[in-house]
Structures are given as structure tokens and as C-alpha cells.
């Protein structure tokens, strides 16, 4: 997977490559798809959710430039695989999912791997998340047609957020950085497609 998919997609950060080597992806894939754990495909989960392609997960990790001291917010726990990668890369992770069975299943998987620096919560974070804390990294694992400004405000200065935005067939992965108290930069990373977060906000439709 790493040689044929990850490196060929310009993922060259050795820390990211080592992380992918250390964490067995098959342990997070539904049993029916376990033989496809390392295939270049989106893997279906319950509730019409998915696991991103391995190369997209890797590009996301590389773009976020996670430091061992970083506090991380994940929107969309899903299978728990990205949650575990974030936990191994950073200091503390808060992961939110709207489906309680995903939250519970991920807790069990993290326990199996001895990962203890993750707080799991169940709730609808499609429009943002109320928190008194700010985060160094935000990883959003479902797409958003429009990005609610509430997410950007949760970033520390210098913080990074990865999100796939737009609607099919025009969707792109972007990296947003907080560069000042009221300033953010936006970098287009690559084109891709990803199912929307449940209840994600949509652009207003004008009727003439």
C-alpha cells in the first residue's frame, strides 16, 4: 500500500509513513471488507458512511503537520482508524460522531491498542462544535458543501484544518490555517470526492 499508493500520491513525510506502518488498518475495517483493507477504494461503513481511501488519509495526515504536543479535534469518528492515527501523532484527541455505535466500537478498538489519549463524544457536529478549548488541528472526515465559520474559530493561531468541500462533481480537499485573530488562509490540496457529513449545511438555493 505504501509503495504503490501512498508514495505515488506525494506522501513522503517519514513520520506519516512510519505511522501507517505501525497501525494495522485491517483491525478497523468491517469484517466483510477486511481483505480490501489496503486497497485503493472507499470502504463502506454502517449508516451509509465510509472510510476514506488510504492515500487520502495519508495526504490528510501529511498536510496537517501534526506535532506531538498538538491538541486535535476530529469530526466524524467513523471506523476509528483516523482517530487512532491522530492519537498516535498528537497529544490529545477529541473525536465526535453522530452515531453512538461508532463511538462505542471505536472505544473498544482504542482500548485494544492501549490508546488512552482520546476523548470520544456522540453528537451532531456538522455545523460546528461547542468547546471552551481551541485546537491545533481539526480533521473533518466527511465532506462539507460549505464550511461553517464555527470550525475555523476553534483553531489556535497557527492551527490547521483539513476538510473536503464542495459538491459532486466538483469537490476539493483544502487546508485552512489560522494566521491571525480574525484571519485565515486557504490552500487547495487536491481534487477528490467524499460523502457529506450527516446534516451538513448546504448553500442557499435561489428560486427565480
Protein backbone atom coordinates (compact mmCIF):
# COMPACT_ATOMS: atom_id res chain seq x y z
CA UNK A 1 0.00 0.00 0.00
CA UNK A 2 2.69 2.48 0.98
CA UNK A 3 4.87 1.96 -2.09
CA UNK A 4 2.09 1.62 -4.67
CA UNK A 5 -0.46 4.11 -3.33
CA UNK A 6 0.91 6.41 -0.67
CA UNK A 7 4.32 7.42 -2.03
CA UNK A 8 2.94 7.80 -5.56
CA UNK A 9 0.49 10.35 -4.15
CA UNK A 10 3.36 12.55 -2.95
CA UNK A 11 3.23 11.41 0.67
CA UNK A 12 6.92 11.47 1.56
CA UNK A 13 6.84 12.53 5.22
CA UNK A 14 8.63 9.69 7.00
CA UNK A 15 6.70 10.26 10.22
CA UNK A 16 3.44 9.68 8.35
CA UNK A 17 4.78 6.60 6.56
CA UNK A 18 6.03 5.14 9.85
CA UNK A 19 2.65 5.78 11.45
CA UNK A 20 0.83 3.93 8.68
CA UNK A 21 3.24 1.02 9.04
CA UNK A 22 2.69 0.78 12.79
CA UNK A 23 -1.11 0.73 12.87
CA UNK A 24 -2.82 -2.27 11.21
CA UNK A 25 -5.68 -0.84 9.12
CA UNK A 26 -7.40 -4.22 8.83
CA UNK A 27 -8.32 -4.06 12.53
CA UNK A 28 -10.58 -1.08 11.80
CA UNK A 29 -12.22 -2.31 8.61
CA UNK A 30 -15.61 -4.10 8.75
CA UNK A 31 -15.15 -7.87 8.62
CA UNK A 32 -16.77 -8.19 5.18
CA UNK A 33 -14.12 -5.87 3.68
CA UNK A 34 -11.07 -6.95 5.65
CA UNK A 35 -9.30 -8.36 2.59
CA UNK A 36 -9.66 -4.92 0.98
CA UNK A 37 -8.21 -3.00 3.93
CA UNK A 38 -5.26 -1.78 1.87
CA UNK A 39 -6.99 -1.41 -1.50
CA UNK A 40 -7.27 1.98 -3.18
CA UNK A 41 -11.01 2.25 -2.54
CA UNK A 42 -13.53 3.87 -0.24
CA UNK A 43 -14.79 1.20 2.20
CA UNK A 44 -18.46 1.28 3.23
CA UNK A 45 -19.44 1.52 6.89
CA UNK A 46 -22.84 1.34 8.55
CA UNK A 47 -25.24 4.31 8.30
CA UNK A 48 -24.11 5.00 4.70
CA UNK A 49 -20.75 6.25 5.98
CA UNK A 50 -17.32 5.35 4.58
CA UNK A 51 -13.61 5.03 5.29
CA UNK A 52 -11.56 7.31 3.06
CA UNK A 53 -9.08 5.85 0.61
CA UNK A 54 -5.73 5.15 2.31
CA UNK A 55 -3.98 7.70 0.10
CA UNK A 56 -6.43 10.42 1.14
CA UNK A 57 -5.93 9.57 4.81
CA UNK A 58 -2.17 9.79 4.29
CA UNK A 59 -2.34 13.13 2.44
CA UNK A 60 -4.57 14.47 5.21
CA UNK A 61 -2.05 13.50 7.89
CA UNK A 62 0.86 14.94 5.92
CA UNK A 63 -0.90 18.25 5.26
CA UNK A 64 -1.84 18.72 8.93
CA UNK A 65 1.84 18.53 10.03
CA UNK A 66 0.85 17.17 13.44
CA UNK A 67 3.24 17.80 16.32
CA UNK A 68 3.48 15.59 19.45
CA UNK A 69 2.11 18.47 21.56
CA UNK A 70 -0.93 19.17 19.37
CA UNK A 71 -4.50 19.14 20.64
CA UNK A 72 -6.71 17.68 17.92
CA UNK A 73 -10.43 17.78 17.09
CA UNK A 74 -11.80 15.09 14.78
CA UNK A 75 -15.27 15.49 13.27
CA UNK A 76 -16.51 12.06 12.21
CA UNK A 77 -15.07 9.17 14.22
CA UNK A 78 -16.33 6.54 11.79
CA UNK A 79 -14.27 3.36 11.92
CA UNK A 80 -11.83 4.84 14.43
CA UNK A 81 -8.80 4.32 12.16
CA UNK A 82 -8.09 8.00 11.58
CA UNK A 83 -8.84 8.61 15.27
CA UNK A 84 -6.08 6.18 16.22
CA UNK A 85 -3.63 7.71 13.72
CA UNK A 86 -4.30 11.19 15.09
CA UNK A 87 -3.86 9.95 18.66
CA UNK A 88 -0.51 8.38 17.85
CA UNK A 89 0.68 11.56 16.11
CA UNK A 90 -0.53 14.19 18.60
CA UNK A 91 -1.08 14.82 22.29
CA UNK A 92 -4.83 14.78 22.88
CA UNK A 93 -7.75 13.99 20.55
CA UNK A 94 -11.41 14.88 20.92
CA UNK A 95 -13.42 12.85 18.40
CA UNK A 96 -17.11 13.45 17.69
CA UNK A 97 -19.56 11.22 15.84
CA UNK A 98 -23.32 11.42 15.45
CA UNK A 99 -23.72 7.62 15.63
CA UNK A 100 -23.33 6.15 19.14
CA UNK A 101 -22.40 2.68 17.85
CA UNK A 102 -19.38 4.18 16.06
CA UNK A 103 -18.35 5.87 19.29
CA UNK A 104 -18.61 2.64 21.29
CA UNK A 105 -16.90 0.48 18.68
CA UNK A 106 -14.01 2.93 18.45
CA UNK A 107 -13.63 2.97 22.22
CA UNK A 108 -13.25 -0.81 22.17
CA UNK A 109 -10.67 -0.68 19.36
CA UNK A 110 -8.62 2.03 21.02
CA UNK A 111 -8.66 0.05 24.27
CA UNK A 112 -7.32 -2.96 22.37
CA UNK A 113 -4.35 -0.88 21.16
CA UNK A 114 -3.75 0.77 24.53
CA UNK A 115 -4.52 4.22 23.12
CA UNK A 116 -5.62 6.37 26.05
CA UNK A 117 -5.29 9.97 24.83
CA UNK A 118 -8.67 10.14 23.06
CA UNK A 119 -11.96 11.54 24.35
CA UNK A 120 -14.96 10.22 22.40
CA UNK A 121 -18.29 12.04 22.32
CA UNK A 122 -21.53 11.43 20.47
CA UNK A 123 -23.29 14.40 18.91
CA UNK A 124 -24.07 16.34 15.74
CA UNK A 125 -21.02 18.43 14.85
CA UNK A 126 -21.99 19.13 11.24
CA UNK A 127 -22.38 22.86 11.94
CA UNK A 128 -19.50 23.15 14.40
CA UNK A 129 -18.89 22.07 17.98
CA UNK A 130 -19.23 24.00 21.22
CA UNK A 131 -15.93 23.92 23.06
CA UNK A 132 -14.21 26.22 25.52
CA UNK A 133 -10.89 24.97 24.16
CA UNK A 134 -9.11 25.80 20.93
CA UNK A 135 -7.34 23.18 18.83
CA UNK A 136 -4.06 22.99 16.94
CA UNK A 137 -5.51 20.57 14.41
CA UNK A 138 -9.02 19.87 13.12
CA UNK A 139 -9.63 16.84 10.87
CA UNK A 140 -13.06 16.59 9.24
CA UNK A 141 -13.58 13.12 7.76
CA UNK A 142 -16.81 13.81 5.88
CA UNK A 143 -17.28 16.49 3.26
CA UNK A 144 -18.97 19.86 3.76
CA UNK A 145 -20.62 21.68 0.82
CA UNK A 146 -19.89 24.90 2.70
CA UNK A 147 -17.57 25.27 5.68
CA UNK A 148 -19.28 26.74 8.76
CA UNK A 149 -17.11 29.53 10.22
CA UNK A 150 -17.55 27.96 13.67
CA UNK A 151 -14.90 25.39 12.76
CA UNK A 152 -12.31 27.99 11.81
CA UNK A 153 -12.88 29.82 15.09
CA UNK A 154 -11.93 26.66 17.00
CA UNK A 155 -8.36 26.83 15.67
CA UNK A 156 -5.49 28.19 17.69
CA UNK A 157 -3.37 30.77 15.90
CA UNK A 158 -1.17 28.69 13.62
CA UNK A 159 -3.71 25.84 13.74
CA UNK A 160 -4.54 23.73 10.68
CA UNK A 161 -7.84 22.26 9.47
CA UNK A 162 -8.31 19.62 6.76
CA UNK A 163 -11.70 19.37 5.07
CA UNK A 164 -13.15 18.22 1.76
CA UNK A 165 -15.57 20.83 0.46
CA UNK A 166 -17.90 21.38 -2.49
CA UNK A 167 -20.46 19.11 -4.10
CA UNK A 168 -20.04 16.39 -6.74
CA UNK A 169 -18.58 16.52 -9.30
CA UNK A 170 -16.55 19.50 -8.07
CA UNK A 171 -15.01 18.74 -4.68
CA UNK A 172 -11.57 19.52 -3.29
CA UNK A 173 -9.53 18.87 -0.19
CA UNK A 174 -8.38 22.11 1.40
CA UNK A 175 -6.12 23.11 4.27
CA UNK A 176 -7.21 26.11 6.32
CA UNK A 177 -4.73 27.85 8.65
CA UNK A 178 -5.48 30.43 11.29
CA UNK A 179 -2.90 33.14 10.68
CA UNK A 180 -4.32 35.86 12.96
CA UNK A 181 -7.08 36.67 15.39
CA UNK A 182 -9.54 37.22 12.55
CA UNK A 183 -7.52 35.90 9.60
CA UNK A 184 -7.36 32.51 7.94
CA UNK A 185 -5.56 31.25 4.83
CA UNK A 186 -6.86 28.57 2.49
CA UNK A 187 -4.78 26.17 0.38
CA UNK A 188 -6.24 23.82 -2.23
CA UNK A 189 -4.61 20.39 -1.91
CA UNK A 190 -6.21 18.02 -4.41
CA UNK A 191 -9.50 17.06 -6.04
CA UNK A 192 -11.44 14.16 -4.56
CA UNK A 193 -14.95 13.02 -3.66
CA UNK A 194 -16.24 12.16 -0.20
CA UNK A 195 -19.78 11.67 1.16
CA UNK A 196 -21.16 14.58 3.17
CA UNK A 197 -21.33 14.71 6.92
CA UNK A 198 -24.84 13.89 8.03
CA UNK A 199 -26.88 17.12 8.38
CA UNK A 200 -24.12 19.17 6.74
CA UNK A 201 -25.19 22.73 5.84
CA UNK A 202 -25.97 23.34 2.17
CA UNK A 203 -25.72 26.54 0.14
CA UNK A 204 -28.95 28.53 -0.10
CA UNK A 205 -30.96 27.72 -3.21
CA UNK A 206 -32.18 30.75 -5.09
CA UNK A 207 -35.53 30.46 -6.83
CA UNK A 208 -36.27 32.86 -9.71
